[in-house]
Amino acid sequence: MTPADTEERRHWMAVLARASADEIAGLLASLPSLPAPERLRAPETGLVMVRGRAGGDGGPFNLGEMTVTRCSVRLGEAVGHAYVAGRDKRQAELAALLDAALQDPARRAALMEGVIAPLAAGQQAARDAEARKAAATRVDFFAMQTTR
């Protein structure tokens, strides 16, 4: 894989990890069906340790544990992997299936346009709405200081 392919795969895996199983399945329903994958690792749920850094650049510390579900499938020659937050096994399996399918250049364009792009746009819209909501509560302390 080239660095550009790696970046593109990183992008679609991040989008799939944040999308719900219903969102993914709804978008997949409008596309030609994918062949049944071979399960290499059935969806399984476990815990991972989340690490943090004090101040962003300080020493690392263990923040706590987080529930994660993982899955691996093979679709032809491609192997797809997925790690998703929470216990949704269907989401992990759909994400792994799409990861494998997106590695096939013949399928990539249609899946990027039909699944990844709409999911990414929806996620960006949700982030923008949250940012607008937070910005509405912002206090400009400089302005308060000059009014005395």
Protein backbone atom coordinates (compact mmCIF):
# COMPACT_ATOMS: atom_id res chain seq x y z
CA MET A 1 0.00 0.00 0.00
CA THR A 2 1.17 3.50 -0.78
CA PRO A 3 1.06 6.26 1.86
CA ALA A 4 -1.96 7.76 0.05
CA ASP A 5 -3.77 4.40 0.25
CA THR A 6 -2.90 4.17 3.93
CA GLU A 7 -4.34 7.62 4.59
CA GLU A 8 -7.50 6.82 2.65
CA ARG A 9 -7.93 3.55 4.56
CA ARG A 10 -7.36 5.36 7.86
CA HIS A 11 -10.12 7.79 6.85
CA TRP A 12 -12.71 5.15 5.95
CA MET A 13 -11.94 3.05 9.02
CA ALA A 14 -12.40 6.10 11.28
CA VAL A 15 -15.72 6.94 9.61
CA LEU A 16 -16.95 3.35 9.95
CA ALA A 17 -15.86 3.17 13.61
CA ARG A 18 -18.01 6.22 14.42
CA ALA A 19 -21.08 5.14 12.40
CA SER A 20 -23.86 3.00 13.83
CA ALA A 21 -24.72 -0.40 12.37
CA ASP A 22 -28.12 0.91 11.23
CA GLU A 23 -26.51 3.83 9.35
CA ILE A 24 -24.05 1.52 7.60
CA ALA A 25 -26.69 -1.10 6.75
CA GLY A 26 -29.10 1.56 5.48
CA LEU A 27 -26.53 2.90 3.03
CA LEU A 28 -25.40 -0.58 1.97
CA ALA A 29 -28.99 -1.55 1.16
CA SER A 30 -29.07 0.84 -1.80
CA LEU A 31 -25.89 -0.63 -3.35
CA PRO A 32 -25.30 -3.96 -5.10
CA SER A 33 -24.88 -6.67 -2.48
CA LEU A 34 -21.41 -7.77 -1.46
CA PRO A 35 -20.45 -11.45 -1.44
CA ALA A 36 -20.55 -13.27 1.88
CA PRO A 37 -17.24 -12.86 3.70
CA GLU A 38 -15.23 -15.56 5.41
CA ARG A 39 -15.02 -14.84 9.14
CA LEU A 40 -11.44 -14.90 10.37
CA ARG A 41 -12.32 -13.55 13.80
CA ALA A 42 -15.99 -13.45 14.75
CA PRO A 43 -17.09 -10.25 16.48
CA GLU A 44 -15.91 -10.32 20.09
CA THR A 45 -16.15 -7.77 22.86
CA GLY A 46 -13.43 -6.93 25.36
CA LEU A 47 -11.74 -4.11 27.22
CA VAL A 48 -8.84 -1.89 26.27
CA MET A 49 -6.91 0.48 28.53
CA VAL A 50 -7.29 4.12 27.53
CA ARG A 51 -4.19 6.22 28.17
CA GLY A 52 -3.96 9.97 28.55
CA ARG A 53 -1.31 12.64 29.05
CA ALA A 54 -1.42 15.41 31.58
CA GLY A 55 -1.59 18.70 29.71
CA GLY A 56 -1.26 16.95 26.36
CA ASP A 57 2.52 16.61 26.59
CA GLY A 58 3.08 15.37 30.14
CA GLY A 59 3.69 11.86 31.32
CA PRO A 60 1.23 9.17 30.21
CA PHE A 61 -1.25 7.75 32.70
CA ASN A 62 -3.97 5.10 32.59
CA LEU A 63 -7.29 6.91 32.29
CA GLY A 64 -9.51 3.83 32.49
CA GLU A 65 -10.92 0.92 30.54
CA MET A 66 -13.17 1.11 27.50
CA THR A 67 -15.38 -1.57 25.94
CA VAL A 68 -14.40 -2.39 22.35
CA THR A 69 -15.70 -4.90 19.81
CA ARG A 70 -13.43 -6.26 17.08
CA CYS A 71 -13.92 -8.39 13.99
CA SER A 72 -11.85 -9.62 11.03
CA VAL A 73 -13.16 -10.99 7.73
CA ARG A 74 -11.75 -12.06 4.38
CA LEU A 75 -13.42 -11.01 1.14
CA GLY A 76 -11.56 -12.56 -1.76
CA GLU A 77 -7.90 -11.69 -1.25
CA ALA A 78 -8.54 -8.70 1.03
CA VAL A 79 -8.73 -8.95 4.81
CA GLY A 80 -10.87 -6.39 6.60
CA HIS A 81 -10.53 -5.44 10.25
CA ALA A 82 -12.67 -3.33 12.55
CA TYR A 83 -12.45 -2.09 16.12
CA VAL A 84 -15.49 -0.15 17.33
CA ALA A 85 -16.31 1.42 20.67
CA GLY A 86 -19.02 -0.39 22.59
CA ARG A 87 -20.66 -3.79 22.25
CA ASP A 88 -22.29 -3.62 18.80
CA LYS A 89 -21.14 -6.82 17.08
CA ARG A 90 -23.16 -6.06 13.95
CA GLN A 91 -21.40 -2.70 13.57
CA ALA A 92 -17.98 -4.35 13.92
CA GLU A 93 -18.81 -7.00 11.33
CA LEU A 94 -20.23 -4.50 8.83
CA ALA A 95 -17.21 -2.23 9.31
CA ALA A 96 -14.82 -5.16 8.75
CA LEU A 97 -16.76 -6.23 5.64
CA LEU A 98 -16.57 -2.72 4.22
CA ASP A 99 -12.89 -2.42 5.06
CA ALA A 100 -12.24 -5.56 3.01
CA ALA A 101 -14.52 -4.46 0.16
CA LEU A 102 -12.95 -0.98 0.00
CA GLN A 103 -9.53 -2.53 -0.57
CA ASP A 104 -10.78 -3.78 -3.95
CA PRO A 105 -10.20 -0.98 -6.52
CA ALA A 106 -13.19 -2.21 -8.57
CA ARG A 107 -15.58 -1.60 -5.65
CA ARG A 108 -13.88 1.35 -3.95
CA ALA A 109 -15.36 4.26 -5.91
CA ALA A 110 -18.98 3.11 -5.52
CA LEU A 111 -18.56 2.35 -1.81
CA MET A 112 -16.75 5.61 -1.12
CA GLU A 113 -19.52 7.57 -2.85
CA GLY A 114 -22.45 5.51 -1.58
CA VAL A 115 -21.39 4.77 2.00
CA ILE A 116 -18.29 6.56 3.27
CA ALA A 117 -19.01 10.04 1.87
CA PRO A 118 -22.58 10.25 3.29
CA LEU A 119 -21.43 8.92 6.67
CA ALA A 120 -18.51 11.36 6.80
CA ALA A 121 -20.78 14.27 5.83
CA GLY A 122 -23.27 13.36 8.54
CA GLN A 123 -20.53 13.07 11.15
CA GLN A 124 -19.06 16.44 10.12
CA ALA A 125 -22.51 18.05 10.31
CA ALA A 126 -22.95 16.69 13.85
CA ARG A 127 -19.52 18.06 14.86
CA ASP A 128 -20.36 21.45 13.35
CA ALA A 129 -23.70 21.58 15.17
CA GLU A 130 -21.98 20.74 18.46
CA ALA A 131 -19.36 23.43 17.83
CA ARG A 132 -22.07 26.03 17.12
CA LYS A 133 -23.87 25.03 20.31
CA ALA A 134 -20.67 25.39 22.34
CA ALA A 135 -19.76 28.70 20.65
CA ALA A 136 -23.10 30.18 21.68
CA THR A 137 -22.07 29.85 25.34
CA ARG A 138 -18.61 31.36 24.88
CA VAL A 139 -17.74 34.34 27.06
CA ASP A 140 -15.27 36.92 25.78
CA PHE A 141 -13.37 37.88 28.93
CA PHE A 142 -11.36 40.52 27.10
CA ALA A 143 -14.56 42.43 26.32
CA MET A 144 -15.68 42.21 29.95
CA GLN A 145 -12.32 43.59 31.10
CA THR A 146 -12.52 46.68 28.91
CA THR A 147 -16.02 47.65 30.09
CA ARG A 148 -14.88 48.63 33.62
